[in-house]
């Protein structure tokens, strides 16, 4: 997905689908489970080719 389209449409739905695929009910739970990982790295993981433009 291109940068200009990354935040269009159902981006929240896509984000929560990716969280559930990884076994986390919320974004907070995902981040808390990996406290040593910088937020930008977590965002890149969740947003590969889409939400965060990884």
C-alpha atoms as a PDB file:
ATOM      1  CA  UNK A   1       0.000   0.000   0.000  1.00  0.00           C
ATOM      2  CA  UNK A   2       1.385   3.404  -0.872  1.00  0.00           C
ATOM      3  CA  UNK A   3       2.081   6.046   1.767  1.00  0.00           C
ATOM      4  CA  UNK A   4      -0.867   8.195   0.765  1.00  0.00           C
ATOM      5  CA  UNK A   5      -3.284   5.263   1.088  1.00  0.00           C
ATOM      6  CA  UNK A   6      -1.890   3.696   4.275  1.00  0.00           C
ATOM      7  CA  UNK A   7      -4.271   5.548   6.584  1.00  0.00           C
ATOM      8  CA  UNK A   8      -7.357   5.382   4.353  1.00  0.00           C
ATOM      9  CA  UNK A   9     -10.214   2.981   4.748  1.00  0.00           C
ATOM     10  CA  UNK A  10     -10.440   0.581   7.631  1.00  0.00           C
ATOM     11  CA  UNK A  11      -6.915   1.012   9.011  1.00  0.00           C
ATOM     12  CA  UNK A  12      -8.060   0.426  12.600  1.00  0.00           C
ATOM     13  CA  UNK A  13      -9.667  -2.844  11.569  1.00  0.00           C
ATOM     14  CA  UNK A  14      -6.483  -3.928   9.775  1.00  0.00           C
ATOM     15  CA  UNK A  15      -4.382  -2.998  12.798  1.00  0.00           C
ATOM     16  CA  UNK A  16      -6.525  -4.987  15.241  1.00  0.00           C
ATOM     17  CA  UNK A  17      -6.592  -7.964  12.868  1.00  0.00           C
ATOM     18  CA  UNK A  18      -2.798  -7.980  12.926  1.00  0.00           C
ATOM     19  CA  UNK A  19      -2.779  -7.762  16.710  1.00  0.00           C
ATOM     20  CA  UNK A  20      -5.201 -10.691  17.013  1.00  0.00           C
ATOM     21  CA  UNK A  21      -3.125 -12.743  14.555  1.00  0.00           C
ATOM     22  CA  UNK A  22      -0.222 -12.329  16.972  1.00  0.00           C
ATOM     23  CA  UNK A  23      -2.357 -13.259  19.984  1.00  0.00           C
ATOM     24  CA  UNK A  24      -2.853  -9.799  21.500  1.00  0.00           C
ATOM     25  CA  UNK A  25      -6.268  -8.313  22.271  1.00  0.00           C
ATOM     26  CA  UNK A  26      -5.054  -4.696  22.278  1.00  0.00           C
ATOM     27  CA  UNK A  27      -2.230  -2.506  21.075  1.00  0.00           C
ATOM     28  CA  UNK A  28      -1.321  -1.851  24.711  1.00  0.00           C
ATOM     29  CA  UNK A  29      -0.978  -5.575  25.425  1.00  0.00           C
ATOM     30  CA  UNK A  30       1.245  -5.962  22.351  1.00  0.00           C
ATOM     31  CA  UNK A  31       3.556  -3.145  23.463  1.00  0.00           C
ATOM     32  CA  UNK A  32       3.610  -4.222  27.123  1.00  0.00           C
ATOM     33  CA  UNK A  33       4.606  -7.759  26.154  1.00  0.00           C
ATOM     34  CA  UNK A  34       7.692  -6.393  24.385  1.00  0.00           C
ATOM     35  CA  UNK A  35       8.981  -3.553  26.602  1.00  0.00           C
ATOM     36  CA  UNK A  36      12.525  -3.606  25.223  1.00  0.00           C
ATOM     37  CA  UNK A  37      11.413  -3.083  21.614  1.00  0.00           C
ATOM     38  CA  UNK A  38      11.269   0.562  20.446  1.00  0.00           C
ATOM     39  CA  UNK A  39       7.818   1.754  19.400  1.00  0.00           C
ATOM     40  CA  UNK A  40       8.914   2.482  15.832  1.00  0.00           C
ATOM     41  CA  UNK A  41      10.027  -1.149  15.466  1.00  0.00           C
ATOM     42  CA  UNK A  42       6.679  -2.393  16.795  1.00  0.00           C
ATOM     43  CA  UNK A  43       4.883  -0.087  14.355  1.00  0.00           C
ATOM     44  CA  UNK A  44       6.943  -1.375  11.445  1.00  0.00           C
ATOM     45  CA  UNK A  45       6.136  -4.960  12.404  1.00  0.00           C
ATOM     46  CA  UNK A  46       2.402  -4.310  12.561  1.00  0.00           C
ATOM     47  CA  UNK A  47       2.296  -2.033   9.548  1.00  0.00           C
ATOM     48  CA  UNK A  48       4.420  -3.839   7.001  1.00  0.00           C
ATOM     49  CA  UNK A  49       3.294  -2.678   3.546  1.00  0.00           C
ATOM     50  CA  UNK A  50       0.231  -1.020   5.019  1.00  0.00           C
ATOM     51  CA  UNK A  51      -0.558   0.835   8.218  1.00  0.00           C
ATOM     52  CA  UNK A  52       2.890   2.174   9.124  1.00  0.00           C
ATOM     53  CA  UNK A  53       4.321   1.848   5.644  1.00  0.00           C
ATOM     54  CA  UNK A  54       7.048  -0.665   6.622  1.00  0.00           C
END
